[in-house]
Amino acid sequence: MSADWAPSPDAMDILENAGINSSFIQDAVPEFVLYWRERGAVHGAWNTKFIEHIRRQWAKFTTSFGRDDTPKQIADDWQPSLDCYEILQLAEIDEKWARSRVPEFVLYWKDSQQVKSSWNTVFLQFIKQDWARQLKKLESAGIANAENQSITGSGQQRLKEKFQQFADRSWAE
């Protein structure tokens, strides 16, 4: 590959018609040329390889665009994303209960002044651990105080099954 290689007008048209910014394409040319020159490649379907390379790089760029993963303190008005609640729903964790835990979560992390890159991830961990503790408490209370329990018979069995299902880590082994 020569040092002055550039994509053909056809390759540029294909990429631009795919919605890829022309500045993004032009900025990638020197890196592409360097990559193939260092490998000593003399012949190749350079335009095809370039199109594939740009499509991969554009996909990575657009996926990360808008996602600021810079660690920062939690905002006073922070709320979990809808995706976060969907994940909790899949784990069969009560959304209303999870929403009730947000103010305590925010206060704790506000006071700690720690920075995190994803507060949703931290919230998910907090809620899942707290939910497991609550289930364990209910299960313990049910066994210790059978006459005073609010969960009886098959309800207690369902709770126990849910706890075991939630605490199951066999998939991680």
C-alpha atoms as a PDB file:
ATOM      1  CA  MET A   1       0.000   0.000   0.000  1.00  0.00           C
ATOM      2  CA  SER A   2       1.350   3.400  -0.911  1.00  0.00           C
ATOM      3  CA  ALA A   3       1.635   6.181   1.663  1.00  0.00           C
ATOM      4  CA  ASP A   4      -0.683   8.390  -0.370  1.00  0.00           C
ATOM      5  CA  TRP A   5      -3.510   5.852  -0.712  1.00  0.00           C
ATOM      6  CA  ALA A   6      -7.017   7.285  -0.463  1.00  0.00           C
ATOM      7  CA  PRO A   7     -10.414   5.618  -0.758  1.00  0.00           C
ATOM      8  CA  SER A   8     -12.006   5.735  -4.180  1.00  0.00           C
ATOM      9  CA  PRO A   9     -14.966   8.039  -4.847  1.00  0.00           C
ATOM     10  CA  ASP A  10     -17.161   4.910  -5.025  1.00  0.00           C
ATOM     11  CA  ALA A  11     -16.023   3.797  -1.563  1.00  0.00           C
ATOM     12  CA  MET A  12     -16.660   7.286  -0.205  1.00  0.00           C
ATOM     13  CA  ASP A  13     -20.156   7.299  -1.752  1.00  0.00           C
ATOM     14  CA  ILE A  14     -20.983   3.915  -0.239  1.00  0.00           C
ATOM     15  CA  LEU A  15     -19.919   5.058   3.232  1.00  0.00           C
ATOM     16  CA  GLU A  16     -21.592   8.461   3.010  1.00  0.00           C
ATOM     17  CA  ASN A  17     -24.800   6.869   1.724  1.00  0.00           C
ATOM     18  CA  ALA A  18     -24.677   4.599   4.777  1.00  0.00           C
ATOM     19  CA  GLY A  19     -24.924   7.766   6.886  1.00  0.00           C
ATOM     20  CA  ILE A  20     -21.294   7.906   7.957  1.00  0.00           C
ATOM     21  CA  ASN A  21     -19.900  11.395   8.445  1.00  0.00           C
ATOM     22  CA  SER A  22     -17.339  12.296   5.746  1.00  0.00           C
ATOM     23  CA  SER A  23     -15.006  13.902   8.313  1.00  0.00           C
ATOM     24  CA  PHE A  24     -15.050  10.652  10.281  1.00  0.00           C
ATOM     25  CA  ILE A  25     -14.110   8.771   7.092  1.00  0.00           C
ATOM     26  CA  GLN A  26     -11.273  11.171   6.183  1.00  0.00           C
ATOM     27  CA  ASP A  27      -9.897  11.112   9.730  1.00  0.00           C
ATOM     28  CA  ALA A  28      -9.604   7.317   9.563  1.00  0.00           C
ATOM     29  CA  VAL A  29      -7.536   7.189   6.346  1.00  0.00           C
ATOM     30  CA  PRO A  30      -4.052   7.830   7.875  1.00  0.00           C
ATOM     31  CA  GLU A  31      -4.569   5.159  10.555  1.00  0.00           C
ATOM     32  CA  PHE A  32      -5.796   2.664   7.939  1.00  0.00           C
ATOM     33  CA  VAL A  33      -2.799   3.347   5.692  1.00  0.00           C
ATOM     34  CA  LEU A  34      -0.353   3.043   8.576  1.00  0.00           C
ATOM     35  CA  TYR A  35      -1.918  -0.244   9.714  1.00  0.00           C
ATOM     36  CA  TRP A  36      -1.516  -1.904   6.317  1.00  0.00           C
ATOM     37  CA  ARG A  37       1.890  -0.384   5.539  1.00  0.00           C
ATOM     38  CA  GLU A  38       3.327  -1.680   8.820  1.00  0.00           C
ATOM     39  CA  ARG A  39       2.121  -5.140   7.870  1.00  0.00           C
ATOM     40  CA  GLY A  40       3.976  -4.863   4.560  1.00  0.00           C
ATOM     41  CA  ALA A  41       0.862  -5.500   2.509  1.00  0.00           C
ATOM     42  CA  VAL A  42       1.408  -4.516  -1.096  1.00  0.00           C
ATOM     43  CA  HIS A  43      -1.759  -5.770  -2.753  1.00  0.00           C
ATOM     44  CA  GLY A  44      -5.281  -6.053  -1.525  1.00  0.00           C
ATOM     45  CA  ALA A  45      -8.839  -5.020  -2.014  1.00  0.00           C
ATOM     46  CA  TRP A  46      -8.120  -1.761  -0.175  1.00  0.00           C
ATOM     47  CA  ASN A  47     -11.471  -0.102  -0.772  1.00  0.00           C
ATOM     48  CA  THR A  48     -13.377  -3.159   0.436  1.00  0.00           C
ATOM     49  CA  LYS A  49     -11.151  -3.463   3.497  1.00  0.00           C
ATOM     50  CA  PHE A  50     -11.505   0.258   4.156  1.00  0.00           C
ATOM     51  CA  ILE A  51     -15.308   0.120   3.916  1.00  0.00           C
ATOM     52  CA  GLU A  52     -15.387  -2.799   6.389  1.00  0.00           C
ATOM     53  CA  HIS A  53     -12.990  -0.991   8.728  1.00  0.00           C
ATOM     54  CA  ILE A  54     -15.012   2.241   8.677  1.00  0.00           C
ATOM     55  CA  ARG A  55     -18.304   0.425   9.240  1.00  0.00           C
ATOM     56  CA  ARG A  56     -16.862  -1.301  12.328  1.00  0.00           C
ATOM     57  CA  GLN A  57     -15.345   1.922  13.660  1.00  0.00           C
ATOM     58  CA  TRP A  58     -18.544   3.883  12.983  1.00  0.00           C
ATOM     59  CA  ALA A  59     -20.612   1.272  14.818  1.00  0.00           C
ATOM     60  CA  LYS A  60     -18.308   1.503  17.849  1.00  0.00           C
ATOM     61  CA  PHE A  61     -18.386   5.298  17.716  1.00  0.00           C
ATOM     62  CA  THR A  62     -22.154   5.610  17.440  1.00  0.00           C
ATOM     63  CA  THR A  63     -22.708   3.018  20.164  1.00  0.00           C
ATOM     64  CA  SER A  64     -20.547   4.946  22.606  1.00  0.00           C
ATOM     65  CA  PHE A  65     -21.767   8.374  21.471  1.00  0.00           C
ATOM     66  CA  GLY A  66     -23.920  10.042  24.078  1.00  0.00           C
ATOM     67  CA  ARG A  67     -22.696   7.723  26.800  1.00  0.00           C
ATOM     68  CA  ASP A  68     -20.559   9.661  29.216  1.00  0.00           C
ATOM     69  CA  ASP A  69     -18.741   7.146  31.368  1.00  0.00           C
ATOM     70  CA  THR A  70     -16.724   9.772  33.208  1.00  0.00           C
ATOM     71  CA  PRO A  71     -16.964   8.998  36.935  1.00  0.00           C
ATOM     72  CA  LYS A  72     -18.987  11.642  38.765  1.00  0.00           C
ATOM     73  CA  GLN A  73     -20.860  12.243  41.994  1.00  0.00           C
ATOM     74  CA  ILE A  74     -24.517  11.361  42.150  1.00  0.00           C
ATOM     75  CA  ALA A  75     -26.896  14.240  41.368  1.00  0.00           C
ATOM     76  CA  ASP A  76     -29.442  15.396  43.953  1.00  0.00           C
ATOM     77  CA  ASP A  77     -32.262  14.536  41.569  1.00  0.00           C
ATOM     78  CA  TRP A  78     -30.789  11.273  40.239  1.00  0.00           C
ATOM     79  CA  GLN A  79     -33.293   8.632  39.171  1.00  0.00           C
ATOM     80  CA  PRO A  80     -32.632   5.153  37.786  1.00  0.00           C
ATOM     81  CA  SER A  81     -33.180   4.738  34.059  1.00  0.00           C
ATOM     82  CA  LEU A  82     -36.145   2.836  32.654  1.00  0.00           C
ATOM     83  CA  ASP A  83     -33.711   0.108  31.604  1.00  0.00           C
ATOM     84  CA  CYS A  84     -32.751  -0.270  35.231  1.00  0.00           C
ATOM     85  CA  TYR A  85     -36.369  -0.911  36.226  1.00  0.00           C
ATOM     86  CA  GLU A  86     -36.754  -3.382  33.364  1.00  0.00           C
ATOM     87  CA  ILE A  87     -33.794  -5.360  34.698  1.00  0.00           C
ATOM     88  CA  LEU A  88     -35.314  -5.343  38.166  1.00  0.00           C
ATOM     89  CA  GLN A  89     -38.599  -6.549  36.713  1.00  0.00           C
ATOM     90  CA  LEU A  90     -36.785  -9.456  35.046  1.00  0.00           C
ATOM     91  CA  ALA A  91     -35.318 -10.304  38.453  1.00  0.00           C
ATOM     92  CA  GLU A  92     -38.891 -10.199  39.830  1.00  0.00           C
ATOM     93  CA  ILE A  93     -38.102  -7.335  42.193  1.00  0.00           C
ATOM     94  CA  ASP A  94     -41.046  -5.103  43.020  1.00  0.00           C
ATOM     95  CA  GLU A  95     -40.702  -1.786  41.167  1.00  0.00           C
ATOM     96  CA  LYS A  96     -42.662   0.189  43.754  1.00  0.00           C
ATOM     97  CA  TRP A  97     -40.361  -1.110  46.489  1.00  0.00           C
ATOM     98  CA  ALA A  98     -37.264  -0.270  44.388  1.00  0.00           C
ATOM     99  CA  ARG A  99     -38.552   3.258  43.728  1.00  0.00           C
ATOM    100  CA  SER A 100     -39.077   3.734  47.464  1.00  0.00           C
ATOM    101  CA  ARG A 101     -35.365   3.009  48.019  1.00  0.00           C
ATOM    102  CA  VAL A 102     -34.102   5.762  45.665  1.00  0.00           C
ATOM    103  CA  PRO A 103     -34.060   8.645  48.220  1.00  0.00           C
ATOM    104  CA  GLU A 104     -31.994   6.618  50.714  1.00  0.00           C
ATOM    105  CA  PHE A 105     -29.647   5.509  47.932  1.00  0.00           C
ATOM    106  CA  VAL A 106     -29.102   9.072  46.723  1.00  0.00           C
ATOM    107  CA  LEU A 107     -28.594  10.403  50.254  1.00  0.00           C
ATOM    108  CA  TYR A 108     -26.037   7.718  51.087  1.00  0.00           C
ATOM    109  CA  TRP A 109     -23.979   8.311  47.956  1.00  0.00           C
ATOM    110  CA  LYS A 110     -24.352  12.083  48.163  1.00  0.00           C
ATOM    111  CA  ASP A 111     -22.942  12.009  51.700  1.00  0.00           C
ATOM    112  CA  SER A 112     -20.100   9.662  50.711  1.00  0.00           C
ATOM    113  CA  GLN A 113     -19.013  12.050  47.910  1.00  0.00           C
ATOM    114  CA  GLN A 114     -17.754   9.076  45.918  1.00  0.00           C
ATOM    115  CA  VAL A 115     -17.712   9.146  42.147  1.00  0.00           C
ATOM    116  CA  LYS A 116     -19.001   6.346  39.926  1.00  0.00           C
ATOM    117  CA  SER A 117     -19.220   5.971  36.168  1.00  0.00           C
ATOM    118  CA  SER A 118     -22.619   4.258  36.267  1.00  0.00           C
ATOM    119  CA  TRP A 119     -25.060   4.997  39.050  1.00  0.00           C
ATOM    120  CA  ASN A 120     -27.561   2.598  37.461  1.00  0.00           C
ATOM    121  CA  THR A 121     -25.153  -0.290  37.979  1.00  0.00           C
ATOM    122  CA  VAL A 122     -24.539   0.680  41.598  1.00  0.00           C
ATOM    123  CA  PHE A 123     -28.299   1.040  42.168  1.00  0.00           C
ATOM    124  CA  LEU A 124     -28.974  -2.397  40.685  1.00  0.00           C
ATOM    125  CA  GLN A 125     -26.403  -3.967  43.001  1.00  0.00           C
ATOM    126  CA  PHE A 126     -27.846  -2.128  45.992  1.00  0.00           C
ATOM    127  CA  ILE A 127     -31.432  -3.112  45.212  1.00  0.00           C
ATOM    128  CA  LYS A 128     -30.632  -6.758  44.501  1.00  0.00           C
ATOM    129  CA  GLN A 129     -28.639  -7.097  47.728  1.00  0.00           C
ATOM    130  CA  ASP A 130     -31.281  -5.261  49.757  1.00  0.00           C
ATOM    131  CA  TRP A 131     -34.082  -7.343  48.205  1.00  0.00           C
ATOM    132  CA  ALA A 132     -32.232 -10.537  49.124  1.00  0.00           C
ATOM    133  CA  ARG A 133     -31.788  -9.270  52.716  1.00  0.00           C
ATOM    134  CA  GLN A 134     -35.502  -8.451  52.920  1.00  0.00           C
ATOM    135  CA  LEU A 135     -36.477 -11.884  51.654  1.00  0.00           C
ATOM    136  CA  LYS A 136     -34.101 -13.546  54.093  1.00  0.00           C
ATOM    137  CA  LYS A 137     -35.555 -11.489  56.972  1.00  0.00           C
ATOM    138  CA  LEU A 138     -39.078 -12.463  55.993  1.00  0.00           C
ATOM    139  CA  GLU A 139     -38.072 -16.087  55.690  1.00  0.00           C
ATOM    140  CA  SER A 140     -36.348 -16.033  59.099  1.00  0.00           C
ATOM    141  CA  ALA A 141     -39.275 -14.257  60.714  1.00  0.00           C
ATOM    142  CA  GLY A 142     -41.629 -16.833  59.216  1.00  0.00           C
ATOM    143  CA  ILE A 143     -39.693 -19.723  60.697  1.00  0.00           C
ATOM    144  CA  ALA A 144     -39.050 -18.141  64.108  1.00  0.00           C
ATOM    145  CA  ASN A 145     -42.546 -16.707  64.619  1.00  0.00           C
ATOM    146  CA  ALA A 146     -44.830 -19.063  62.773  1.00  0.00           C
ATOM    147  CA  GLU A 147     -47.856 -17.897  64.730  1.00  0.00           C
ATOM    148  CA  ASN A 148     -47.242 -14.196  63.993  1.00  0.00           C
ATOM    149  CA  GLN A 149     -46.236 -14.428  60.376  1.00  0.00           C
ATOM    150  CA  SER A 150     -48.064 -12.495  57.712  1.00  0.00           C
ATOM    151  CA  ILE A 151     -47.020 -14.979  55.074  1.00  0.00           C
ATOM    152  CA  THR A 152     -48.635 -18.344  55.632  1.00  0.00           C
ATOM    153  CA  GLY A 153     -48.553 -21.782  54.091  1.00  0.00           C
ATOM    154  CA  SER A 154     -48.024 -21.756  50.361  1.00  0.00           C
ATOM    155  CA  GLY A 155     -47.141 -18.038  50.476  1.00  0.00           C
ATOM    156  CA  GLN A 156     -44.145 -18.843  52.641  1.00  0.00           C
ATOM    157  CA  GLN A 157     -43.147 -21.600  50.252  1.00  0.00           C
ATOM    158  CA  ARG A 158     -43.351 -19.178  47.284  1.00  0.00           C
ATOM    159  CA  LEU A 159     -41.199 -16.692  49.182  1.00  0.00           C
ATOM    160  CA  LYS A 160     -38.631 -19.378  49.918  1.00  0.00           C
ATOM    161  CA  GLU A 161     -38.612 -20.459  46.280  1.00  0.00           C
ATOM    162  CA  LYS A 162     -38.183 -16.841  45.124  1.00  0.00           C
ATOM    163  CA  PHE A 163     -35.313 -16.333  47.540  1.00  0.00           C
ATOM    164  CA  GLN A 164     -33.593 -19.510  46.379  1.00  0.00           C
ATOM    165  CA  GLN A 165     -34.134 -18.517  42.759  1.00  0.00           C
ATOM    166  CA  PHE A 166     -32.741 -15.046  43.401  1.00  0.00           C
ATOM    167  CA  ALA A 167     -29.767 -16.303  45.423  1.00  0.00           C
ATOM    168  CA  ASP A 168     -28.911 -19.004  42.864  1.00  0.00           C
ATOM    169  CA  ARG A 169     -25.390 -18.402  41.603  1.00  0.00           C
ATOM    170  CA  SER A 170     -24.882 -21.798  39.941  1.00  0.00           C
ATOM    171  CA  TRP A 171     -24.739 -20.055  36.562  1.00  0.00           C
ATOM    172  CA  ALA A 172     -21.569 -18.232  37.675  1.00  0.00           C
ATOM    173  CA  GLU A 173     -19.604 -21.384  38.437  1.00  0.00           C
END
